[in-house]
Amino acid sequence: MSLLRSRAAFARPSSSRAKVSAAFLQLPPSYRAFHASPRPQILETIVTPAHLLFEGLHSFTGLPWVYSIPLTALTIRLFISLPLSIAQRRLIIKRQQLLPLLQSWRRQSTNETMKEVGHLGPEKAHAASAKKMRRKTVEIYLRHGCGQLSIMRAGAIQLPVFMMSIEALRKMAGTNSGLLGLIIQRFTGEEAPGLEERMGASWFEPSLTTEGALWFKDLTVADPEMILPFMLSGTMLLNLVAGKKVDGTTQSVGQKRFHRILLTMAVLAGPLLLHVPSGVLVYWISSMSMALGQAILLDRFMPLKKPVTACEPRRLLRGHDTAP
């Protein structure tokens, strides 16, 4: 009998257990998971510095978002992109100064290769000489601290910073889809979320809906006149074409192909980015315009001089003789 009573008491929930269950059901879904703490938001953690920079400059200056967004782009350009670009330009100048040394090694490498494998034919000799010269070029660049990884360092740092800023503005606009999802909406015809749905986002900034300018008053939605996407496309094309003229260096076959790919992407940017929020496009256009101005200034104050080439022997004119 006592055993039955104990089983009944065990089966009957106590008032304290009922209160705990009710409180547990009132928690948000992220807290009712099978772990002690909420799921970490890795992407928000990565993007938080850019979000704080946007919010900080907007609060400190008191400017509308349509002006504080380009101001943030200028700040990032001055304190991150410009120092990296100056360091990259110095490495490129150092590479140009090493060209006479590489040319002398090329002549020596050709002579050595002809002695070693010249009997196998001109094609084999040329391939062996080019391979040996590539290894020697890498060795010389590394010895003087201007290797390929050092040249690529600026782009490897600037691209993540740029993507962090784009992602921060997208989340502040209350858009659930990422940049790729916004591009896909161009083909699926999916409607953009309404204001009530966007206001439920964690980082949604209500002042973005009223602090635009001209025809794009609301920076949280796509440009209703579809002008900003094509302005961005034109800015990208201008940046690529004018930047190539400013650079003035001879490009390899691979670099020319990559440049054509970038030109194609710049042309397609306008139609593909029609569903991107106007605030994101304002930042993108500002950043690309400042990148072009930065390239022009670097060419003005740190010009890439014409590389020194090997001297060619003087050719005598026909009909002239050196004999006395």
Protein backbone atom coordinates (compact mmCIF):
# COMPACT_ATOMS: atom_id res chain seq x y z
CA MET A 1 0.00 0.00 0.00
CA SER A 2 2.79 2.38 0.82
CA LEU A 3 4.45 1.48 -2.47
CA LEU A 4 1.32 2.45 -4.42
CA ARG A 5 1.14 5.77 -2.59
CA SER A 6 4.75 6.58 -3.40
CA ARG A 7 4.16 5.77 -7.08
CA ALA A 8 1.09 7.99 -7.18
CA ALA A 9 2.98 10.85 -5.58
CA PHE A 10 5.77 10.43 -8.10
CA ALA A 11 3.39 10.39 -11.07
CA ARG A 12 1.46 13.44 -9.86
CA PRO A 13 3.38 16.65 -10.94
CA SER A 14 4.11 19.07 -8.20
CA SER A 15 3.21 22.74 -8.36
CA SER A 16 6.87 23.75 -8.65
CA ARG A 17 7.38 21.49 -11.67
CA ALA A 18 4.29 22.93 -13.32
CA LYS A 19 5.60 26.47 -12.82
CA VAL A 20 8.97 25.54 -14.32
CA SER A 21 7.28 23.96 -17.37
CA ALA A 22 5.10 27.03 -17.93
CA ALA A 23 8.08 29.37 -17.67
CA PHE A 24 10.07 27.12 -20.01
CA LEU A 25 7.37 27.27 -22.69
CA GLN A 26 7.32 31.06 -22.54
CA LEU A 27 10.98 31.29 -23.55
CA PRO A 28 11.85 32.15 -27.19
CA PRO A 29 12.71 29.21 -29.49
CA SER A 30 16.44 29.93 -29.36
CA TYR A 31 16.42 29.31 -25.59
CA ARG A 32 14.27 26.14 -25.79
CA ALA A 33 16.97 24.29 -27.72
CA PHE A 34 18.83 21.28 -26.38
CA HIS A 35 21.74 23.24 -24.95
CA ALA A 36 22.34 25.54 -22.04
CA SER A 37 22.91 28.78 -23.98
CA PRO A 38 21.47 30.37 -27.13
CA ARG A 39 22.97 29.40 -30.49
CA PRO A 40 25.86 31.75 -31.33
CA GLN A 41 25.33 34.12 -34.23
CA ILE A 42 28.72 33.90 -35.93
CA LEU A 43 27.84 36.18 -38.82
CA GLU A 44 26.53 38.93 -36.53
CA THR A 45 29.70 38.69 -34.44
CA ILE A 46 31.87 39.18 -37.54
CA VAL A 47 29.79 42.07 -38.88
CA THR A 48 29.42 43.86 -35.53
CA PRO A 49 32.51 46.15 -35.95
CA ALA A 50 31.14 47.53 -39.23
CA HIS A 51 27.70 47.99 -37.66
CA LEU A 52 29.19 49.88 -34.72
CA LEU A 53 31.17 52.10 -37.10
CA PHE A 54 28.06 53.03 -39.09
CA GLU A 55 26.05 53.72 -35.94
CA GLY A 56 28.89 55.61 -34.26
CA LEU A 57 29.56 57.99 -37.15
CA HIS A 58 25.84 58.59 -37.64
CA SER A 59 25.36 59.46 -33.98
CA PHE A 60 28.56 61.51 -33.67
CA THR A 61 28.08 63.68 -36.76
CA GLY A 62 24.28 63.92 -36.63
CA LEU A 63 24.20 63.71 -40.44
CA PRO A 64 21.42 61.91 -42.30
CA TRP A 65 22.20 58.39 -43.39
CA VAL A 66 22.56 59.41 -47.03
CA TYR A 67 25.66 61.41 -45.99
CA SER A 68 26.95 59.34 -43.08
CA ILE A 69 27.13 56.19 -45.25
CA PRO A 70 29.61 57.78 -47.71
CA LEU A 71 31.43 59.26 -44.71
CA THR A 72 31.85 55.74 -43.33
CA ALA A 73 33.17 54.58 -46.70
CA LEU A 74 35.67 57.45 -46.65
CA THR A 75 36.77 56.54 -43.12
CA ILE A 76 37.39 52.92 -44.09
CA ARG A 77 39.22 54.07 -47.21
CA LEU A 78 41.52 56.43 -45.26
CA PHE A 79 42.38 54.17 -42.33
CA ILE A 80 42.39 50.71 -43.96
CA SER A 81 42.45 50.73 -47.76
CA LEU A 82 44.83 53.65 -48.35
CA PRO A 83 47.70 52.39 -46.12
CA LEU A 84 47.41 48.93 -47.69
CA SER A 85 47.38 50.39 -51.21
CA ILE A 86 50.44 52.54 -50.47
CA ALA A 87 52.32 49.48 -49.21
CA GLN A 88 51.23 47.54 -52.30
CA ARG A 89 52.39 50.36 -54.62
CA ARG A 90 55.83 50.35 -52.96
CA LEU A 91 56.14 46.63 -53.62
CA ILE A 92 55.18 47.13 -57.28
CA ILE A 93 57.79 49.89 -57.61
CA LYS A 94 60.38 47.60 -56.07
CA ARG A 95 59.48 44.94 -58.62
CA GLN A 96 60.02 47.42 -61.42
CA GLN A 97 63.44 48.27 -60.02
CA LEU A 98 64.35 44.57 -60.14
CA LEU A 99 63.57 44.23 -63.85
CA PRO A 100 67.20 44.85 -65.01
CA LEU A 101 68.35 42.07 -62.67
CA LEU A 102 65.69 39.72 -64.04
CA GLN A 103 66.67 40.55 -67.62
CA SER A 104 70.29 39.70 -66.93
CA TRP A 105 69.28 36.42 -65.36
CA ARG A 106 67.05 35.67 -68.36
CA ARG A 107 69.98 35.92 -70.75
CA GLN A 108 72.13 33.71 -68.52
CA SER A 109 69.29 31.20 -68.08
CA THR A 110 68.79 31.00 -71.84
CA ASN A 111 72.47 30.30 -72.46
CA GLU A 112 72.60 27.62 -69.76
CA THR A 113 69.44 25.95 -71.03
CA MET A 114 70.71 25.84 -74.59
CA LYS A 115 73.85 24.07 -73.40
CA GLU A 116 71.84 21.56 -71.34
CA VAL A 117 68.83 20.69 -73.52
CA GLY A 118 69.45 22.59 -76.74
CA HIS A 119 69.91 19.34 -78.63
CA LEU A 120 66.27 18.38 -77.89
CA GLY A 121 64.90 21.12 -80.10
CA PRO A 122 63.83 24.77 -79.74
CA GLU A 123 60.45 23.99 -78.12
CA LYS A 124 61.96 21.88 -75.34
CA ALA A 125 64.71 24.43 -74.79
CA HIS A 126 62.24 27.33 -74.62
CA ALA A 127 59.97 25.49 -72.13
CA ALA A 128 62.92 24.57 -69.91
CA SER A 129 64.28 28.12 -70.00
CA ALA A 130 60.87 29.62 -69.11
CA LYS A 131 60.45 27.19 -66.19
CA LYS A 132 63.91 27.98 -64.83
CA MET A 133 63.26 31.72 -65.19
CA ARG A 134 59.95 31.50 -63.32
CA ARG A 135 61.68 29.82 -60.39
CA LYS A 136 64.44 32.43 -60.41
CA THR A 137 61.91 35.28 -60.55
CA VAL A 138 60.06 33.93 -57.51
CA GLU A 139 63.37 33.54 -55.68
CA ILE A 140 64.45 37.13 -56.41
CA TYR A 141 61.08 38.59 -55.43
CA LEU A 142 61.03 36.68 -52.15
CA ARG A 143 64.60 37.71 -51.38
CA HIS A 144 63.69 41.39 -51.78
CA GLY A 145 60.38 41.12 -49.89
CA CYS A 146 58.02 41.68 -52.83
CA GLY A 147 56.62 38.18 -53.39
CA GLN A 148 53.19 37.45 -54.78
CA LEU A 149 51.62 36.92 -51.35
CA SER A 150 52.83 40.35 -50.25
CA ILE A 151 51.30 41.93 -53.36
CA MET A 152 47.96 40.19 -52.73
CA ARG A 153 47.84 41.17 -49.06
CA ALA A 154 45.99 44.45 -49.73
CA GLY A 155 43.16 42.79 -51.64
CA ALA A 156 42.95 39.91 -49.17
CA ILE A 157 42.25 42.38 -46.35
CA GLN A 158 40.12 44.94 -48.20
CA LEU A 159 37.63 42.46 -49.65
CA PRO A 160 36.46 41.04 -46.26
CA VAL A 161 36.18 44.58 -44.86
CA PHE A 162 34.05 45.60 -47.84
CA MET A 163 31.81 42.53 -47.50
CA MET A 164 31.40 43.18 -43.76
CA SER A 165 30.20 46.72 -44.49
CA ILE A 166 27.77 45.54 -47.16
CA GLU A 167 26.39 42.86 -44.84
CA ALA A 168 26.01 45.32 -41.95
CA LEU A 169 23.98 47.74 -44.10
CA ARG A 170 21.86 44.88 -45.43
CA LYS A 171 20.97 43.78 -41.90
CA MET A 172 20.30 47.39 -40.85
CA ALA A 173 17.85 47.61 -43.75
CA GLY A 174 15.99 44.61 -42.32
CA THR A 175 16.53 42.38 -45.36
CA ASN A 176 16.49 38.69 -44.55
CA SER A 177 18.10 37.49 -47.78
CA GLY A 178 21.82 37.88 -48.33
CA LEU A 179 23.39 39.53 -51.35
CA LEU A 180 23.14 36.34 -53.39
CA GLY A 181 19.51 35.90 -52.33
CA LEU A 182 18.71 39.44 -53.44
CA ILE A 183 20.23 38.69 -56.84
CA ILE A 184 18.15 35.51 -57.14
CA GLN A 185 14.99 37.52 -56.41
CA ARG A 186 15.65 39.26 -59.71
CA PHE A 187 14.80 35.98 -61.49
CA THR A 188 12.25 34.40 -59.15
CA GLY A 189 10.04 37.50 -58.89
CA GLU A 190 9.78 37.14 -55.10
CA GLU A 191 8.39 40.23 -53.40
CA ALA A 192 10.50 42.15 -50.92
CA PRO A 193 9.45 42.01 -47.24
CA GLY A 194 7.16 44.76 -46.01
CA LEU A 195 7.96 47.37 -43.41
CA GLU A 196 6.32 45.46 -40.56
CA GLU A 197 8.32 42.35 -41.36
CA ARG A 198 11.56 44.32 -41.65
CA MET A 199 10.94 46.10 -38.34
CA GLY A 200 11.12 42.72 -36.63
CA ALA A 201 14.76 42.28 -37.64
CA SER A 202 17.32 42.59 -34.85
CA TRP A 203 19.48 45.29 -36.45
CA PHE A 204 16.76 47.20 -38.29
CA GLU A 205 17.39 50.97 -38.25
CA PRO A 206 14.08 52.88 -38.62
CA SER A 207 15.78 56.18 -39.45
CA LEU A 208 17.05 54.66 -42.70
CA THR A 209 13.48 54.80 -44.04
CA THR A 210 13.38 58.61 -43.96
CA GLU A 211 16.99 59.83 -44.28
CA GLY A 212 17.53 59.26 -47.98
CA ALA A 213 17.72 61.93 -50.67
CA LEU A 214 16.34 62.87 -54.07
CA TRP A 215 14.30 59.99 -55.50
CA PHE A 216 15.51 57.36 -52.98
CA LYS A 217 14.05 58.64 -49.72
CA ASP A 218 13.86 55.15 -48.17
CA LEU A 219 17.30 53.54 -47.94
CA THR A 220 15.90 50.20 -46.74
CA VAL A 221 14.18 49.33 -50.03
CA ALA A 222 15.35 48.99 -53.61
CA ASP A 223 15.66 52.07 -55.78
CA PRO A 224 12.15 52.67 -57.22
CA GLU A 225 13.60 54.43 -60.30
CA MET A 226 16.29 51.74 -60.84
CA ILE A 227 18.94 54.46 -61.28
CA LEU A 228 21.34 53.53 -58.47
CA PRO A 229 22.08 49.98 -59.75
CA PHE A 230 23.09 51.31 -63.16
CA MET A 231 25.05 54.14 -61.55
CA LEU A 232 26.99 51.47 -59.71
CA SER A 233 27.54 49.57 -62.96
CA GLY A 234 28.88 52.72 -64.65
CA THR A 235 31.12 53.50 -61.67
CA MET A 236 32.57 49.99 -61.76
CA LEU A 237 33.26 50.26 -65.51
CA LEU A 238 34.89 53.67 -65.06
CA ASN A 239 37.00 52.32 -62.22
CA LEU A 240 38.23 49.37 -64.31
CA VAL A 241 38.89 51.28 -67.53
CA ALA A 242 40.42 54.39 -65.97
CA GLY A 243 42.34 52.33 -63.43
CA LYS A 244 43.97 50.35 -66.23
CA LYS A 245 45.04 53.57 -67.97
CA VAL A 246 46.41 54.95 -64.71
CA ASP A 247 48.36 51.77 -64.03
CA GLY A 248 49.95 51.66 -67.47
CA THR A 249 51.83 48.40 -66.84
CA THR A 250 51.95 45.52 -69.31
CA GLN A 251 49.49 42.77 -68.39
CA SER A 252 49.97 39.07 -68.90
CA VAL A 253 47.48 36.88 -70.74
CA GLY A 254 45.91 35.72 -67.47
CA GLN A 255 45.58 39.29 -66.20
CA LYS A 256 43.90 40.36 -69.44
CA ARG A 257 41.38 37.52 -69.17
CA PHE A 258 40.65 38.40 -65.55
CA HIS A 259 40.18 42.05 -66.55
CA ARG A 260 37.63 41.02 -69.20
CA ILE A 261 35.76 38.97 -66.60
CA LEU A 262 35.62 41.99 -64.30
CA LEU A 263 34.32 44.16 -67.15
CA THR A 264 31.56 41.63 -67.84
CA MET A 265 30.61 41.54 -64.16
CA ALA A 266 30.51 45.35 -64.08
CA VAL A 267 28.13 45.44 -67.05
CA LEU A 268 25.85 42.82 -65.44
CA ALA A 269 25.89 44.52 -62.02
CA GLY A 270 23.09 46.93 -62.91
CA PRO A 271 20.43 44.37 -63.91
CA LEU A 272 21.44 41.91 -61.17
CA LEU A 273 21.30 44.38 -58.25
CA LEU A 274 17.83 45.82 -58.82
CA HIS A 275 16.51 44.33 -55.54
CA VAL A 276 19.41 45.48 -53.34
CA PRO A 277 18.50 48.16 -50.74
CA SER A 278 19.39 51.71 -51.74
CA GLY A 279 21.60 52.19 -48.67
CA VAL A 280 23.82 49.31 -49.76
CA LEU A 281 24.10 50.78 -53.26
CA VAL A 282 24.98 54.22 -51.88
CA TYR A 283 27.86 52.69 -49.94
CA TRP A 284 28.97 50.62 -52.92
CA ILE A 285 28.97 53.59 -55.31
CA SER A 286 30.83 55.75 -52.78
CA SER A 287 33.46 53.09 -52.19
CA MET A 288 34.07 52.51 -55.91
CA SER A 289 34.33 56.25 -56.62
CA MET A 290 36.83 56.70 -53.79
CA ALA A 291 38.85 53.73 -55.07
CA LEU A 292 39.18 55.44 -58.45
CA GLY A 293 40.23 58.72 -56.82
CA GLN A 294 42.74 56.83 -54.69
CA ALA A 295 44.28 55.20 -57.79
CA ILE A 296 44.63 58.59 -59.49
CA LEU A 297 46.29 60.11 -56.40
CA LEU A 298 48.70 57.20 -56.07
CA ASP A 299 49.67 57.57 -59.71
CA ARG A 300 50.23 61.29 -59.13
CA PHE A 301 52.40 61.01 -56.00
CA MET A 302 53.82 57.47 -56.44
CA PRO A 303 54.06 57.06 -60.22
CA LEU A 304 55.12 53.82 -61.84
CA LYS A 305 58.05 54.81 -64.00
CA LYS A 306 58.80 53.17 -67.31
CA PRO A 307 60.89 50.06 -66.60
CA VAL A 308 64.52 50.01 -67.64
CA THR A 309 65.08 47.71 -70.62
CA ALA A 310 68.22 46.15 -72.00
CA CYS A 311 70.24 48.17 -74.50
CA GLU A 312 70.03 47.08 -78.10
CA PRO A 313 73.15 47.12 -80.31
CA ARG A 314 73.34 49.93 -82.83
CA ARG A 315 72.42 48.91 -86.35
CA LEU A 316 74.40 50.35 -89.19
CA LEU A 317 72.51 51.96 -92.04
CA ARG A 318 72.66 50.24 -95.37
CA GLY A 319 75.44 51.61 -97.57
CA HIS A 320 77.62 52.72 -94.66
CA ASP A 321 80.80 50.92 -93.76
CA THR A 322 82.87 51.22 -90.64
CA ALA A 323 86.09 50.43 -92.43
CA PRO A 324 88.36 53.44 -93.02
